[in-house]
Amino acid sequence: MASIESSQLVDLFKRLSTAIAAQTDITPEQIRSVMEHMGDATAEPGRVDFIEVEISGIPAIWCIPKHCAHDRVLLCAHGGGYISGSMYSHRKMYAHFAKKIGCRALIPNYGLAPENHHPGPVNDLSHVYQWLLNQGIKSEHIAIAGDSCGGSLAITILLLLRELGLPLPAAAMPLSPWIDLEHTAKSFESNKTKDALVSRDMAENMAALFLGENGDRRTPLANPLFADLKKLPAVYIQVGAFEVLLDDSHLLAQALRKAGVDVTLEVFPEMQHIFHLLAGTAPEANDAIDKYAKWVIPRLGL
């Protein structure tokens, strides 16, 4: 049975959904203003310094736990459907990851659609990754994490880096990834009354802004189900059982296994989309982050 604390995310998501639905002809700017509150359910991590930087014109924020390893980095792609979310809305959640792992986390404020449509976000993320390499951080000391659309970016950046002939990071950690832009999965129907935030209509609208109305829903750097996934680093996927995007995680795991990639998929009972936002608040989120940390620590050589 889900903890009482986990209901806070359901309440938050319902408030956000109601605020969006109340707007007539809502603009991306209005959606961003509402969705910036995604991090309201996350507890302050404590003993973490937050330092803002600019990398190749891209704003970013470092989450630096006290006494952490500075030569290991968790590169984090925030969620928000490619049209919202920011380094601020996700700073607390990824700071909890950084504390548990014992490394620094870097959250880029990649450009949002429709102003920065596909392949803008994955290009932005690759620029930040290359900057890390130029700073002397070894590729095997970097792991990629991402939630929702950021979970897809955690995979598509690997494809782009491979295309560019760059060394790949040690591991990828998608959280509740939004992968299939065709939205044909059965969980859109089976979980539509359980998911407090995401719906097929929402996903369709965001995909249209991200790709353009006539954009290719199967382009590999946006939908990795149609990519060559061979020789990617190890991947650990976590997802909530109540998500309409549940099947996206299963489809991604199946595609990765078929390509010979070391992949782990864990489904958390009764959990919502990106339930990790409850870090420091609900036991399910703390447990999930602890499992991610135990999995990635040896891969980073910590």
Protein backbone atom coordinates (compact mmCIF):
# COMPACT_ATOMS: atom_id res chain seq x y z
CA MET A 1 0.00 0.00 0.00
CA ALA A 2 1.28 3.46 -0.89
CA SER A 3 2.37 5.64 2.00
CA ILE A 4 0.25 8.52 3.23
CA GLU A 5 3.12 10.86 2.32
CA SER A 6 2.96 9.81 -1.34
CA SER A 7 -0.54 11.29 -1.64
CA GLN A 8 1.06 14.73 -1.56
CA LEU A 9 2.20 14.24 -5.14
CA VAL A 10 -1.31 13.29 -6.25
CA ASP A 11 -2.64 16.46 -4.62
CA LEU A 12 0.08 18.60 -6.23
CA PHE A 13 -0.47 17.12 -9.69
CA LYS A 14 -4.22 17.64 -9.42
CA ARG A 15 -3.66 21.29 -8.53
CA LEU A 16 -1.29 21.76 -11.45
CA SER A 17 -3.67 20.02 -13.87
CA THR A 18 -6.60 22.13 -12.65
CA ALA A 19 -4.57 25.33 -13.03
CA ILE A 20 -3.66 24.43 -16.61
CA ALA A 21 -7.22 23.37 -17.51
CA ALA A 22 -8.58 26.66 -16.16
CA GLN A 23 -6.63 28.65 -18.78
CA THR A 24 -8.26 29.44 -22.12
CA ASP A 25 -5.91 29.05 -25.11
CA ILE A 26 -3.06 28.48 -22.70
CA THR A 27 0.40 29.52 -23.89
CA PRO A 28 3.71 27.73 -23.29
CA GLU A 29 4.67 30.56 -20.94
CA GLN A 30 1.57 29.96 -18.81
CA ILE A 31 2.24 26.22 -18.73
CA ARG A 32 5.82 26.91 -17.63
CA SER A 33 4.63 29.16 -14.81
CA VAL A 34 2.35 26.42 -13.49
CA MET A 35 4.77 23.51 -13.97
CA GLU A 36 7.57 25.38 -12.22
CA HIS A 37 5.83 24.22 -9.04
CA MET A 38 6.66 20.55 -9.74
CA GLY A 39 9.38 20.72 -7.13
CA ASP A 40 7.06 21.93 -4.37
CA ALA A 41 6.68 18.36 -3.06
CA THR A 42 10.43 17.85 -2.71
CA ALA A 43 12.08 18.44 0.66
CA GLU A 44 15.12 20.69 0.83
CA PRO A 45 18.10 18.32 0.86
CA GLY A 46 20.26 20.28 3.28
CA ARG A 47 24.07 20.49 3.25
CA VAL A 48 24.08 21.07 -0.52
CA ASP A 49 25.47 24.16 -2.22
CA PHE A 50 23.78 25.41 -5.39
CA ILE A 51 25.98 27.32 -7.82
CA GLU A 52 24.73 28.75 -11.11
CA VAL A 53 26.98 28.70 -14.16
CA GLU A 54 26.70 29.31 -17.90
CA ILE A 55 28.00 26.69 -20.33
CA SER A 56 28.22 27.57 -24.03
CA GLY A 57 25.37 30.03 -23.51
CA ILE A 58 23.27 27.46 -21.62
CA PRO A 59 22.43 28.30 -17.98
CA ALA A 60 22.98 25.44 -15.53
CA ILE A 61 23.09 24.81 -11.82
CA TRP A 62 25.54 22.71 -9.85
CA CYS A 63 24.20 20.75 -6.86
CA ILE A 64 27.25 20.16 -4.66
CA PRO A 65 26.80 18.09 -1.47
CA LYS A 66 29.23 18.70 1.35
CA HIS A 67 32.34 16.46 1.16
CA CYS A 68 31.30 14.90 -2.19
CA ALA A 69 33.62 13.66 -4.93
CA HIS A 70 34.18 16.54 -7.35
CA ASP A 71 35.56 14.38 -10.15
CA ARG A 72 32.32 12.40 -10.54
CA VAL A 73 29.25 14.04 -12.08
CA LEU A 74 25.59 13.20 -12.48
CA LEU A 75 24.39 15.10 -15.57
CA CYS A 76 20.64 15.65 -15.17
CA ALA A 77 17.99 16.34 -17.82
CA HIS A 78 14.91 17.81 -16.17
CA GLY A 79 11.39 16.89 -17.22
CA GLY A 80 8.46 19.04 -18.29
CA GLY A 81 7.43 17.71 -21.69
CA TYR A 82 10.19 19.63 -23.49
CA ILE A 83 8.12 22.80 -23.03
CA SER A 84 8.42 23.42 -19.29
CA GLY A 85 10.46 22.57 -16.20
CA SER A 86 13.83 24.04 -15.32
CA MET A 87 16.97 23.66 -13.29
CA TYR A 88 15.07 25.37 -10.47
CA SER A 89 12.00 23.11 -10.48
CA HIS A 90 14.25 20.03 -10.26
CA ARG A 91 17.22 21.26 -8.24
CA LYS A 92 16.06 19.75 -4.93
CA MET A 93 15.23 16.33 -6.40
CA TYR A 94 18.56 15.93 -8.17
CA ALA A 95 20.39 17.29 -5.13
CA HIS A 96 18.98 14.33 -3.20
CA PHE A 97 20.42 12.04 -5.89
CA ALA A 98 23.79 13.77 -5.63
CA LYS A 99 23.86 13.47 -1.83
CA LYS A 100 23.02 9.79 -1.90
CA ILE A 101 25.60 9.03 -4.63
CA GLY A 102 28.28 11.30 -3.16
CA CYS A 103 29.03 13.32 -6.29
CA ARG A 104 28.14 16.63 -7.91
CA ALA A 105 25.00 16.95 -10.04
CA LEU A 106 24.73 19.38 -12.96
CA ILE A 107 21.30 20.43 -14.27
CA PRO A 108 21.37 22.34 -17.58
CA ASN A 109 18.53 24.72 -18.40
CA TYR A 110 18.30 23.41 -21.97
CA GLY A 111 16.20 25.44 -24.38
CA LEU A 112 12.47 24.66 -24.38
CA ALA A 113 10.06 24.09 -27.24
CA PRO A 114 8.54 25.54 -29.29
CA GLU A 115 11.33 28.14 -29.34
CA ASN A 116 13.99 25.41 -29.14
CA HIS A 117 12.32 22.49 -30.87
CA HIS A 118 13.85 19.11 -31.72
CA PRO A 119 16.79 18.46 -31.89
CA GLY A 120 17.58 21.54 -29.78
CA PRO A 121 17.34 19.95 -26.29
CA VAL A 122 19.55 16.96 -27.08
CA ASN A 123 22.06 19.25 -28.80
CA ASP A 124 22.13 21.49 -25.73
CA LEU A 125 22.73 18.52 -23.47
CA SER A 126 25.56 17.25 -25.67
CA HIS A 127 27.26 20.68 -25.52
CA VAL A 128 27.18 20.50 -21.72
CA TYR A 129 28.55 16.94 -21.76
CA GLN A 130 31.41 18.00 -24.04
CA TRP A 131 32.13 20.92 -21.70
CA LEU A 132 32.45 18.45 -18.81
CA LEU A 133 34.98 16.44 -20.81
CA ASN A 134 36.91 19.62 -21.57
CA GLN A 135 36.94 20.39 -17.83
CA GLY A 136 38.85 17.14 -17.27
CA ILE A 137 35.94 14.97 -16.11
CA LYS A 138 36.42 11.49 -17.54
CA SER A 139 33.51 9.98 -19.47
CA GLU A 140 33.56 6.91 -17.21
CA HIS A 141 33.04 9.24 -14.25
CA ILE A 142 29.80 10.70 -15.66
CA ALA A 143 26.31 9.22 -15.40
CA ILE A 144 23.22 10.64 -17.13
CA ALA A 145 19.91 10.95 -15.29
CA GLY A 146 16.63 12.33 -16.58
CA ASP A 147 12.95 12.36 -15.74
CA SER A 148 9.95 12.18 -18.11
CA CYS A 149 11.13 13.81 -21.37
CA GLY A 150 14.50 14.05 -19.64
CA GLY A 151 14.38 10.27 -19.35
CA SER A 152 14.25 10.11 -23.12
CA LEU A 153 17.09 12.65 -23.32
CA ALA A 154 19.14 10.36 -21.05
CA ILE A 155 19.03 7.84 -23.92
CA THR A 156 19.04 10.11 -26.97
CA ILE A 157 22.14 11.96 -25.76
CA LEU A 158 23.95 8.61 -25.82
CA LEU A 159 22.94 8.18 -29.46
CA LEU A 160 24.11 11.67 -30.38
CA LEU A 161 27.42 11.29 -28.53
CA ARG A 162 28.02 8.00 -30.33
CA GLU A 163 27.21 9.74 -33.64
CA LEU A 164 29.76 12.44 -32.81
CA GLY A 165 32.41 9.85 -31.97
CA LEU A 166 32.65 10.94 -28.33
CA PRO A 167 33.28 8.61 -25.38
CA LEU A 168 30.05 7.51 -23.71
CA PRO A 169 29.27 7.99 -20.02
CA ALA A 170 29.30 5.15 -17.50
CA ALA A 171 25.54 4.74 -17.18
CA ALA A 172 22.08 6.17 -17.84
CA MET A 173 19.25 6.45 -15.32
CA PRO A 174 15.84 7.31 -16.83
CA LEU A 175 13.07 8.17 -14.35
CA SER A 176 9.50 7.69 -15.63
CA PRO A 177 10.71 8.23 -19.21
CA TRP A 178 8.45 9.56 -21.97
CA ILE A 179 9.76 7.60 -24.94
CA ASP A 180 7.12 6.74 -27.56
CA LEU A 181 5.91 9.93 -29.27
CA GLU A 182 3.24 7.96 -31.15
CA HIS A 183 1.41 7.33 -27.85
CA THR A 184 0.01 3.94 -28.81
CA ALA A 185 0.75 2.15 -25.51
CA LYS A 186 -2.12 0.39 -23.73
CA SER A 187 -1.21 2.02 -20.40
CA PHE A 188 -2.64 5.31 -21.72
CA GLU A 189 -6.03 3.63 -21.31
CA SER A 190 -5.41 1.22 -18.43
CA ASN A 191 -3.95 3.95 -16.19
CA LYS A 192 -5.86 7.01 -17.37
CA THR A 193 -7.93 7.18 -14.18
CA LYS A 194 -4.89 6.55 -11.96
CA ASP A 195 -2.37 9.02 -13.37
CA ALA A 196 -2.94 12.40 -11.71
CA LEU A 197 -0.91 14.45 -14.20
CA VAL A 198 -0.27 12.99 -17.66
CA SER A 199 -2.89 12.19 -20.31
CA ARG A 200 -2.76 11.24 -23.97
CA ASP A 201 -4.02 14.71 -24.96
CA MET A 202 -1.30 16.39 -22.89
CA ALA A 203 1.38 14.18 -24.42
CA GLU A 204 0.05 14.80 -27.94
CA ASN A 205 0.08 18.59 -27.45
CA MET A 206 3.60 18.57 -26.05
CA ALA A 207 4.90 16.31 -28.82
CA ALA A 208 3.42 18.65 -31.43
CA LEU A 209 5.20 21.64 -29.89
CA PHE A 210 8.44 19.69 -29.58
CA LEU A 211 8.50 18.23 -33.11
CA GLY A 212 6.21 20.59 -34.98
CA GLU A 213 2.76 19.61 -36.24
CA ASN A 214 4.22 17.57 -39.11
CA GLY A 215 7.29 16.33 -37.26
CA ASP A 216 8.41 12.73 -37.55
CA ARG A 217 7.25 10.84 -34.42
CA ARG A 218 9.79 8.10 -35.19
CA THR A 219 12.94 10.18 -35.58
CA PRO A 220 15.56 8.30 -33.51
CA LEU A 221 16.97 11.29 -31.61
CA ALA A 222 13.46 12.01 -30.29
CA ASN A 223 12.02 8.48 -30.13
CA PRO A 224 14.79 6.01 -29.27
CA LEU A 225 12.49 3.03 -29.92
CA PHE A 226 13.41 3.55 -33.57
CA ALA A 227 17.15 3.92 -32.97
CA ASP A 228 20.09 1.53 -33.10
CA LEU A 229 20.65 0.98 -29.37
CA LYS A 230 23.63 -1.35 -29.61
CA LYS A 231 26.74 -0.79 -27.46
CA LEU A 232 25.14 1.71 -25.09
CA PRO A 233 26.22 1.79 -21.43
CA ALA A 234 24.17 0.15 -18.67
CA VAL A 235 20.67 1.58 -18.11
CA TYR A 236 18.48 1.49 -15.00
CA ILE A 237 14.85 2.54 -15.50
CA GLN A 238 12.38 3.28 -12.70
CA VAL A 239 8.67 3.96 -13.23
CA GLY A 240 5.45 4.15 -11.23
CA ALA A 241 2.77 1.49 -11.76
CA PHE A 242 0.02 4.14 -11.97
CA GLU A 243 1.59 6.07 -14.87
CA VAL A 244 0.05 6.29 -18.32
CA LEU A 245 3.68 6.16 -19.49
CA LEU A 246 4.26 2.81 -17.76
CA ASP A 247 4.46 0.93 -21.06
CA ASP A 248 7.05 3.37 -22.38
CA SER A 249 9.48 2.01 -19.79
CA HIS A 250 8.67 -1.59 -20.75
CA LEU A 251 9.10 -0.82 -24.45
CA LEU A 252 12.42 0.91 -23.85
CA ALA A 253 13.70 -1.94 -21.69
CA GLN A 254 12.68 -4.50 -24.33
CA ALA A 255 14.41 -2.53 -27.09
CA LEU A 256 17.59 -2.17 -25.03
CA ARG A 257 17.67 -5.88 -24.15
CA LYS A 258 17.17 -6.78 -27.79
CA ALA A 259 20.19 -4.61 -28.60
CA GLY A 260 22.30 -6.40 -25.99
CA VAL A 261 22.39 -3.54 -23.49
CA ASP A 262 22.63 -4.24 -19.76
CA VAL A 263 19.24 -2.90 -18.59
CA THR A 264 17.35 -2.98 -15.31
CA LEU A 265 13.67 -2.02 -15.06
CA GLU A 266 11.88 -1.56 -11.76
CA VAL A 267 8.17 -0.75 -11.41
CA PHE A 268 7.08 0.81 -8.12
CA PRO A 269 3.54 -0.14 -7.04
CA GLU A 270 0.88 2.61 -6.90
CA MET A 271 3.40 5.34 -7.73
CA GLN A 272 2.77 8.39 -9.89
CA HIS A 273 4.79 9.96 -12.70
CA ILE A 274 8.22 11.09 -11.43
CA PHE A 275 7.35 10.05 -7.86
CA HIS A 276 11.03 10.80 -7.14
CA LEU A 277 9.86 14.41 -6.69
CA LEU A 278 8.83 13.25 -3.20
CA ALA A 279 12.51 12.93 -2.22
CA GLY A 280 12.90 13.59 1.48
CA THR A 281 9.13 13.45 1.89
CA ALA A 282 7.87 9.93 1.04
CA PRO A 283 9.58 6.58 1.72
CA GLU A 284 8.95 5.31 -1.82
CA ALA A 285 10.97 8.16 -3.36
CA ASN A 286 13.77 7.77 -0.83
CA ASP A 287 13.91 4.03 -1.48
CA ALA A 288 14.01 4.55 -5.26
CA ILE A 289 16.84 7.09 -5.03
CA ASP A 290 18.74 4.79 -2.67
CA LYS A 291 18.46 1.97 -5.24
CA TYR A 292 19.65 4.22 -8.05
CA ALA A 293 22.62 5.28 -5.92
CA LYS A 294 23.63 1.73 -4.99
CA TRP A 295 23.43 0.77 -8.67
CA VAL A 296 25.46 3.66 -10.06
CA ILE A 297 28.11 4.13 -7.35
CA PRO A 298 30.27 1.18 -8.49
CA ARG A 299 29.81 2.16 -12.13
CA LEU A 300 31.26 5.60 -11.34
CA GLY A 301 34.13 4.01 -9.44
CA LEU A 302 33.11 5.52 -6.12
